Protein backbone atom coordinates (compact mmCIF):
# COMPACT_ATOMS: atom_id res chain seq x y z
CA MET A 1 43.42 -36.19 -45.83
CA GLN A 2 42.94 -32.52 -44.92
CA GLU A 3 44.30 -31.49 -48.33
CA ALA A 4 41.64 -33.58 -50.06
CA LEU A 5 38.93 -32.03 -47.91
CA ASP A 6 40.24 -28.55 -48.73
CA VAL A 7 39.96 -29.29 -52.45
CA ILE A 8 36.48 -30.79 -52.13
CA SER A 9 35.26 -27.80 -50.14
CA LYS A 10 36.13 -25.51 -53.06
CA VAL A 11 34.07 -27.52 -55.58
CA GLU A 12 30.46 -26.52 -56.07
CA GLY A 13 28.57 -29.26 -57.91
CA ASP A 14 30.96 -30.18 -60.69
CA LYS A 15 32.54 -26.72 -60.92
CA ILE A 16 35.23 -24.74 -59.16
CA ALA A 17 35.56 -20.97 -59.02
CA VAL A 18 38.50 -19.59 -60.97
CA SER A 19 39.60 -17.76 -57.83
CA HIS A 20 40.02 -21.13 -56.06
CA LEU A 21 41.62 -23.07 -58.90
CA GLU A 22 45.27 -22.32 -58.19
CA SER A 23 45.03 -23.25 -54.51
CA ALA A 24 42.94 -26.36 -55.25
CA LEU A 25 45.55 -27.57 -57.74
CA ALA A 26 48.34 -26.85 -55.26
CA ASN A 27 46.52 -28.86 -52.59
CA ILE A 28 46.67 -31.95 -54.81
CA GLY A 29 50.30 -31.38 -55.71
CA ILE A 30 49.92 -29.61 -59.05
CA THR A 31 51.80 -26.34 -59.37
CA LEU A 32 51.85 -24.39 -62.58
CA PRO A 33 53.94 -21.35 -63.41
CA LYS A 34 51.73 -18.23 -63.45
CA GLY A 35 51.96 -17.97 -67.25
CA GLU A 36 50.82 -21.56 -67.77
CA LEU A 37 47.91 -21.14 -65.38
CA GLU A 38 46.81 -17.96 -67.15
CA GLU A 39 47.09 -19.69 -70.54
CA ALA A 40 45.03 -22.65 -69.31
CA LEU A 41 42.36 -20.29 -67.98
CA LYS A 42 42.03 -18.70 -71.43
CA HIS A 43 40.77 -22.06 -72.69
CA ALA A 44 38.48 -22.86 -69.76
CA THR A 45 34.72 -22.85 -70.15
CA VAL A 46 33.20 -20.13 -67.99
CA ASP A 47 29.60 -20.15 -66.79
């Protein structure tokens, strides 16, 4: 339950800061190698 709350606390509206993305994913059990995370971020929409 605490892990879910940690993820939710990092979300602002329907967005999450790039600086929080890696830890938010890890909190829900998703771990990506650094290279894959960096590649995914290249394709992310940034406001």
